[in-house]
PDB file of all heavy atoms in Angstrom:
ATOM      1  N   TYR A   1     -21.330 125.102-155.952  1.00  0.00           N
ATOM      2  CA  TYR A   1     -22.653 125.285-156.644  1.00  0.00           C
ATOM      3  C   TYR A   1     -23.824 125.042-155.767  1.00  0.00           C
ATOM      4  O   TYR A   1     -24.761 125.720-155.580  1.00  0.00           O
ATOM      5  CB  TYR A   1     -22.698 124.468-157.905  1.00  0.00           C
ATOM      6  CG  TYR A   1     -24.021 124.661-158.651  1.00  0.00           C
ATOM      7  CD1 TYR A   1     -24.242 125.779-159.349  1.00  0.00           C
ATOM      8  CD2 TYR A   1     -25.079 123.770-158.539  1.00  0.00           C
ATOM      9  CE1 TYR A   1     -25.448 126.041-159.990  1.00  0.00           C
ATOM     10  CE2 TYR A   1     -26.273 123.906-159.099  1.00  0.00           C
ATOM     11  CZ  TYR A   1     -26.443 125.052-159.874  1.00  0.00           C
ATOM     12  OH  TYR A   1     -27.645 125.323-160.480  1.00  0.00           O
ATOM     13  N   VAL A   2     -23.745 123.872-154.990  1.00  0.00           N
ATOM     14  CA  VAL A   2     -24.801 123.423-154.128  1.00  0.00           C
ATOM     15  C   VAL A   2     -24.978 124.361-152.882  1.00  0.00           C
ATOM     16  O   VAL A   2     -26.038 124.656-152.509  1.00  0.00           O
ATOM     17  CB  VAL A   2     -24.578 121.973-153.710  1.00  0.00           C
ATOM     18  CG1 VAL A   2     -25.566 121.547-152.638  1.00  0.00           C
ATOM     19  CG2 VAL A   2     -24.732 121.015-154.938  1.00  0.00           C
ATOM     20  N   GLU A   3     -23.800 124.791-152.328  1.00  0.00           N
ATOM     21  CA  GLU A   3     -23.841 125.698-151.283  1.00  0.00           C
ATOM     22  C   GLU A   3     -24.514 127.092-151.543  1.00  0.00           C
ATOM     23  O   GLU A   3     -25.087 127.667-150.676  1.00  0.00           O
ATOM     24  CB  GLU A   3     -22.413 125.941-150.703  1.00  0.00           C
ATOM     25  CG  GLU A   3     -21.856 124.890-149.896  1.00  0.00           C
ATOM     26  CD  GLU A   3     -20.384 125.237-149.426  1.00  0.00           C
ATOM     27  OE1 GLU A   3     -19.729 125.991-150.124  1.00  0.00           O
ATOM     28  OE2 GLU A   3     -20.043 124.674-148.477  1.00  0.00           O
ATOM     29  N   ALA A   4     -24.347 127.521-152.768  1.00  0.00           N
ATOM     30  CA  ALA A   4     -24.793 128.822-153.154  1.00  0.00           C
ATOM     31  C   ALA A   4     -26.287 128.982-153.070  1.00  0.00           C
ATOM     32  O   ALA A   4     -27.030 128.155-153.665  1.00  0.00           O
ATOM     33  CB  ALA A   4     -24.309 129.198-154.612  1.00  0.00           C
ATOM     34  N   GLU A   5     -26.825 129.950-152.347  1.00  0.00           N
ATOM     35  CA  GLU A   5     -28.277 130.110-152.255  1.00  0.00           C
ATOM     36  C   GLU A   5     -28.738 130.975-153.420  1.00  0.00           C
ATOM     37  O   GLU A   5     -29.883 130.944-153.842  1.00  0.00           O
ATOM     38  CB  GLU A   5     -28.625 130.655-150.937  1.00  0.00           C
ATOM     39  CG  GLU A   5     -28.370 129.668-149.815  1.00  0.00           C
ATOM     40  CD  GLU A   5     -28.968 130.197-148.482  1.00  0.00           C
ATOM     41  OE1 GLU A   5     -29.859 131.084-148.497  1.00  0.00           O
ATOM     42  OE2 GLU A   5     -28.517 129.725-147.424  1.00  0.00           O
ATOM     43  N   LEU A   6     -27.850 131.795-153.874  1.00  0.00           N
ATOM     44  CA  LEU A   6     -28.209 132.684-155.079  1.00  0.00           C
ATOM     45  C   LEU A   6     -27.156 132.383-156.177  1.00  0.00           C
ATOM     46  O   LEU A   6     -25.970 132.492-156.026  1.00  0.00           O
ATOM     47  CB  LEU A   6     -28.203 134.124-154.704  1.00  0.00           C
ATOM     48  CG  LEU A   6     -28.611 135.163-155.743  1.00  0.00           C
ATOM     49  CD1 LEU A   6     -30.099 134.897-156.100  1.00  0.00           C
ATOM     50  CD2 LEU A   6     -28.424 136.530-155.207  1.00  0.00           C
ATOM     51  N   ARG A   7     -27.741 131.985-157.328  1.00  0.00           N
ATOM     52  CA  ARG A   7     -26.801 131.560-158.400  1.00  0.00           C
ATOM     53  C   ARG A   7     -26.744 132.583-159.446  1.00  0.00           C
ATOM     54  O   ARG A   7     -27.615 133.452-159.675  1.00  0.00           O
ATOM     55  CB  ARG A   7     -27.272 130.230-158.951  1.00  0.00           C
ATOM     56  CG  ARG A   7     -27.223 129.179-157.828  1.00  0.00           C
ATOM     57  CD  ARG A   7     -27.490 127.785-158.207  1.00  0.00           C
ATOM     58  NE  ARG A   7     -27.362 126.907-157.032  1.00  0.00           N
ATOM     59  CZ  ARG A   7     -28.175 126.058-156.694  1.00  0.00           C
ATOM     60  NH1 ARG A   7     -29.227 125.861-157.352  1.00  0.00           N
ATOM     61  NH2 ARG A   7     -27.995 125.266-155.590  1.00  0.00           N
ATOM     62  N   GLY A   8     -25.592 132.595-160.242  1.00  0.00           N
ATOM     63  CA  GLY A   8     -25.299 133.613-161.182  1.00  0.00           C
ATOM     64  C   GLY A   8     -26.364 133.873-162.301  1.00  0.00           C
ATOM     65  O   GLY A   8     -27.160 132.998-162.602  1.00  0.00           O
ATOM     66  N   PRO A   9     -26.324 135.052-162.962  1.00  0.00           N
ATOM     67  CA  PRO A   9     -27.265 135.535-163.868  1.00  0.00           C
ATOM     68  C   PRO A   9     -27.046 135.065-165.331  1.00  0.00           C
ATOM     69  O   PRO A   9     -27.750 135.478-166.198  1.00  0.00           O
ATOM     70  CB  PRO A   9     -27.213 137.065-163.757  1.00  0.00           C
ATOM     71  CG  PRO A   9     -25.872 137.327-163.458  1.00  0.00           C
ATOM     72  CD  PRO A   9     -25.344 136.142-162.635  1.00  0.00           C
ATOM     73  N   SER A  10     -25.981 134.266-165.595  1.00  0.00           N
ATOM     74  CA  SER A  10     -25.566 133.912-166.991  1.00  0.00           C
ATOM     75  C   SER A  10     -26.778 133.075-167.548  1.00  0.00           C
ATOM     76  O   SER A  10     -27.521 132.518-166.773  1.00  0.00           O
ATOM     77  CB  SER A  10     -24.321 133.114-166.959  1.00  0.00           C
ATOM     78  OG  SER A  10     -24.503 131.892-166.269  1.00  0.00           O
ATOM     79  N   PRO A  11     -26.874 133.058-168.839  1.00  0.00           N
ATOM     80  CA  PRO A  11     -27.939 132.293-169.513  1.00  0.00           C
ATOM     81  C   PRO A  11     -27.854 130.807-169.060  1.00  0.00           C
ATOM     82  O   PRO A  11     -26.867 130.092-169.285  1.00  0.00           O
ATOM     83  CB  PRO A  11     -27.618 132.334-171.012  1.00  0.00           C
ATOM     84  CG  PRO A  11     -26.776 133.571-171.131  1.00  0.00           C
ATOM     85  CD  PRO A  11     -26.006 133.707-169.868  1.00  0.00           C
ATOM     86  N   TYR A  12     -28.889 130.437-168.295  1.00  0.00           N
ATOM     87  CA  TYR A  12     -28.834 129.068-167.669  1.00  0.00           C
ATOM     88  C   TYR A  12     -28.671 127.937-168.626  1.00  0.00           C
ATOM     89  O   TYR A  12     -27.871 127.095-168.365  1.00  0.00           O
ATOM     90  CB  TYR A  12     -30.103 128.934-166.884  1.00  0.00           C
ATOM     91  CG  TYR A  12     -30.195 127.663-166.113  1.00  0.00           C
ATOM     92  CD1 TYR A  12     -29.380 127.530-164.960  1.00  0.00           C
ATOM     93  CD2 TYR A  12     -30.992 126.546-166.521  1.00  0.00           C
ATOM     94  CE1 TYR A  12     -29.332 126.302-164.252  1.00  0.00           C
ATOM     95  CE2 TYR A  12     -31.004 125.379-165.826  1.00  0.00           C
ATOM     96  CZ  TYR A  12     -30.167 125.275-164.668  1.00  0.00           C
ATOM     97  OH  TYR A  12     -30.168 124.064-164.040  1.00  0.00           O
ATOM     98  N   TYR A  13     -29.324 127.940-169.818  1.00  0.00           N
ATOM     99  CA  TYR A  13     -29.209 126.816-170.708  1.00  0.00           C
ATOM    100  C   TYR A  13     -27.824 126.617-171.384  1.00  0.00           C
ATOM    101  O   TYR A  13     -27.500 125.613-171.917  1.00  0.00           O
ATOM    102  CB  TYR A  13     -30.256 126.974-171.782  1.00  0.00           C
ATOM    103  CG  TYR A  13     -30.053 128.191-172.701  1.00  0.00           C
ATOM    104  CD1 TYR A  13     -29.330 128.117-173.905  1.00  0.00           C
ATOM    105  CD2 TYR A  13     -30.569 129.436-172.306  1.00  0.00           C
ATOM    106  CE1 TYR A  13     -29.130 129.197-174.721  1.00  0.00           C
ATOM    107  CE2 TYR A  13     -30.409 130.545-173.135  1.00  0.00           C
ATOM    108  CZ  TYR A  13     -29.712 130.403-174.312  1.00  0.00           C
ATOM    109  OH  TYR A  13     -29.508 131.525-175.109  1.00  0.00           O
ATOM    110  N   LEU A  14     -26.941 127.708-171.243  1.00  0.00           N
ATOM    111  CA  LEU A  14     -25.625 127.616-171.638  1.00  0.00           C
ATOM    112  C   LEU A  14     -24.683 127.120-170.595  1.00  0.00           C
ATOM    113  O   LEU A  14     -23.443 126.939-170.998  1.00  0.00           O
ATOM    114  CB  LEU A  14     -25.134 128.954-172.265  1.00  0.00           C
ATOM    115  CG  LEU A  14     -25.900 129.460-173.403  1.00  0.00           C
ATOM    116  CD1 LEU A  14     -25.461 130.821-173.838  1.00  0.00           C
ATOM    117  CD2 LEU A  14     -25.744 128.534-174.601  1.00  0.00           C
ATOM    118  N   SER A  15     -25.112 126.954-169.429  1.00  0.00           N
ATOM    119  CA  SER A  15     -24.132 126.665-168.388  1.00  0.00           C
ATOM    120  C   SER A  15     -23.980 125.168-168.093  1.00  0.00           C
ATOM    121  O   SER A  15     -24.803 124.384-168.517  1.00  0.00           O
ATOM    122  CB  SER A  15     -24.671 127.298-167.006  1.00  0.00           C
ATOM    123  OG  SER A  15     -25.830 126.655-166.661  1.00  0.00           O
ATOM    124  N   VAL A  16     -22.841 124.863-167.449  1.00  0.00           N
ATOM    125  CA  VAL A  16     -22.571 123.426-167.136  1.00  0.00           C
ATOM    126  C   VAL A  16     -23.596 122.976-166.137  1.00  0.00           C
ATOM    127  O   VAL A  16     -24.109 121.851-166.166  1.00  0.00           O
ATOM    128  CB  VAL A  16     -21.151 123.375-166.527  1.00  0.00           C
ATOM    129  CG1 VAL A  16     -20.924 121.989-165.985  1.00  0.00           C
ATOM    130  CG2 VAL A  16     -20.153 123.728-167.578  1.00  0.00           C
ATOM    131  N   GLU A  17     -24.005 123.928-165.206  1.00  0.00           N
ATOM    132  CA  GLU A  17     -24.948 123.536-164.229  1.00  0.00           C
ATOM    133  C   GLU A  17     -26.364 123.088-164.736  1.00  0.00           C
ATOM    134  O   GLU A  17     -27.074 122.406-164.072  1.00  0.00           O
ATOM    135  CB  GLU A  17     -25.171 124.702-163.237  1.00  0.00           C
ATOM    136  CG  GLU A  17     -23.955 125.152-162.410  1.00  0.00           C
ATOM    137  CD  GLU A  17     -23.130 126.061-163.234  1.00  0.00           C
ATOM    138  OE1 GLU A  17     -23.439 126.509-164.277  1.00  0.00           O
ATOM    139  OE2 GLU A  17     -21.957 126.369-162.659  1.00  0.00           O
ATOM    140  N   SER A  18     -26.690 123.521-165.916  1.00  0.00           N
ATOM    141  CA  SER A  18     -27.969 123.086-166.489  1.00  0.00           C
ATOM    142  C   SER A  18     -27.998 121.604-166.753  1.00  0.00           C
ATOM    143  O   SER A  18     -29.082 120.997-166.925  1.00  0.00           O
ATOM    144  CB  SER A  18     -28.212 123.887-167.834  1.00  0.00           C
ATOM    145  OG  SER A  18     -27.307 123.431-168.803  1.00  0.00           O
ATOM    146  N   ARG A  19     -26.824 120.976-166.730  1.00  0.00           N
ATOM    147  CA  ARG A  19     -26.721 119.512-167.065  1.00  0.00           C
ATOM    148  C   ARG A  19     -26.737 118.749-165.737  1.00  0.00           C
ATOM    149  O   ARG A  19     -26.777 117.523-165.763  1.00  0.00           O
ATOM    150  CB  ARG A  19     -25.489 119.190-167.802  1.00  0.00           C
ATOM    151  CG  ARG A  19     -25.386 119.892-169.144  1.00  0.00           C
ATOM    152  CD  ARG A  19     -26.455 119.442-170.012  1.00  0.00           C
ATOM    153  NE  ARG A  19     -26.322 120.121-171.288  1.00  0.00           N
ATOM    154  CZ  ARG A  19     -27.372 120.300-172.169  1.00  0.00           C
ATOM    155  NH1 ARG A  19     -28.545 119.983-171.848  1.00  0.00           N
ATOM    156  NH2 ARG A  19     -27.185 120.891-173.246  1.00  0.00           N
ATOM    157  N   LEU A  20     -26.682 119.373-164.546  1.00  0.00           N
ATOM    158  CA  LEU A  20     -26.732 118.650-163.298  1.00  0.00           C
ATOM    159  C   LEU A  20     -28.174 118.046-163.151  1.00  0.00           C
ATOM    160  O   LEU A  20     -29.137 118.658-163.548  1.00  0.00           O
ATOM    161  CB  LEU A  20     -26.373 119.625-162.096  1.00  0.00           C
ATOM    162  CG  LEU A  20     -24.887 120.044-162.123  1.00  0.00           C
ATOM    163  CD1 LEU A  20     -24.762 120.986-160.964  1.00  0.00           C
ATOM    164  CD2 LEU A  20     -24.007 118.891-161.885  1.00  0.00           C
ATOM    165  N   PRO A  21     -28.233 116.915-162.427  1.00  0.00           N
ATOM    166  CA  PRO A  21     -29.606 116.442-162.195  1.00  0.00           C
ATOM    167  C   PRO A  21     -30.459 117.281-161.243  1.00  0.00           C
ATOM    168  O   PRO A  21     -29.849 117.930-160.368  1.00  0.00           O
ATOM    169  CB  PRO A  21     -29.276 115.000-161.502  1.00  0.00           C
ATOM    170  CG  PRO A  21     -27.817 115.033-161.167  1.00  0.00           C
ATOM    171  CD  PRO A  21     -27.189 116.072-161.992  1.00  0.00           C
ATOM    172  N   ILE A  22     -31.679 117.215-161.463  1.00  0.00           N
ATOM    173  CA  ILE A  22     -32.712 118.054-160.674  1.00  0.00           C
ATOM    174  C   ILE A  22     -32.496 117.843-159.136  1.00  0.00           C
ATOM    175  O   ILE A  22     -32.549 118.684-158.390  1.00  0.00           O
ATOM    176  CB  ILE A  22     -34.123 117.806-161.183  1.00  0.00           C
ATOM    177  CG1 ILE A  22     -34.256 118.096-162.592  1.00  0.00           C
ATOM    178  CG2 ILE A  22     -35.105 118.593-160.305  1.00  0.00           C
ATOM    179  CD1 ILE A  22     -34.259 119.526-162.943  1.00  0.00           C
ATOM    180  N   TRP A  23     -32.377 116.556-158.833  1.00  0.00           N
ATOM    181  CA  TRP A  23     -32.323 116.182-157.351  1.00  0.00           C
ATOM    182  C   TRP A  23     -31.135 116.866-156.644  1.00  0.00           C
ATOM    183  O   TRP A  23     -31.208 117.182-155.458  1.00  0.00           O
ATOM    184  CB  TRP A  23     -32.285 114.712-157.126  1.00  0.00           C
ATOM    185  CG  TRP A  23     -31.130 113.962-157.675  1.00  0.00           C
ATOM    186  CD1 TRP A  23     -31.011 113.373-158.970  1.00  0.00           C
ATOM    187  CD2 TRP A  23     -29.857 113.802-157.047  1.00  0.00           C
ATOM    188  NE1 TRP A  23     -29.741 112.847-159.131  1.00  0.00           N
ATOM    189  CE2 TRP A  23     -29.016 113.052-157.929  1.00  0.00           C
ATOM    190  CE3 TRP A  23     -29.356 114.104-155.765  1.00  0.00           C
ATOM    191  CZ2 TRP A  23     -27.704 112.706-157.605  1.00  0.00           C
ATOM    192  CZ3 TRP A  23     -28.035 113.756-155.504  1.00  0.00           C
ATOM    193  CH2 TRP A  23     -27.269 113.100-156.382  1.00  0.00           C
ATOM    194  N   MET A  24     -30.073 117.111-157.402  1.00  0.00           N
ATOM    195  CA  MET A  24     -28.933 117.740-156.846  1.00  0.00           C
ATOM    196  C   MET A  24     -29.056 119.223-156.716  1.00  0.00           C
ATOM    197  O   MET A  24     -28.505 119.827-155.825  1.00  0.00           O
ATOM    198  CB  MET A  24     -27.682 117.422-157.719  1.00  0.00           C
ATOM    199  CG  MET A  24     -26.382 117.867-157.073  1.00  0.00           C
ATOM    200  SD  MET A  24     -24.946 117.595-158.235  1.00  0.00           S
ATOM    201  CE  MET A  24     -24.965 115.874-158.392  1.00  0.00           C
ATOM    202  N   LYS A  25     -29.877 119.800-157.583  1.00  0.00           N
ATOM    203  CA  LYS A  25     -30.157 121.308-157.531  1.00  0.00           C
ATOM    204  C   LYS A  25     -31.269 121.743-156.578  1.00  0.00           C
ATOM    205  O   LYS A  25     -31.379 122.916-156.354  1.00  0.00           O
ATOM    206  CB  LYS A  25     -30.256 121.780-158.952  1.00  0.00           C
ATOM    207  CG  LYS A  25     -29.164 121.518-159.895  1.00  0.00           C
ATOM    208  CD  LYS A  25     -29.391 122.167-161.144  1.00  0.00           C
ATOM    209  CE  LYS A  25     -30.244 121.257-162.051  1.00  0.00           C
ATOM    210  NZ  LYS A  25     -30.283 121.726-163.486  1.00  0.00           N
TER     211      LYS A  25
END
């Protein structure tokens, strides 16, 4: 996830990634 420069188009608020801390993203 961190390596990816372009992330998927799925609804962001429904993804697991939406729960990651801001500093990590």
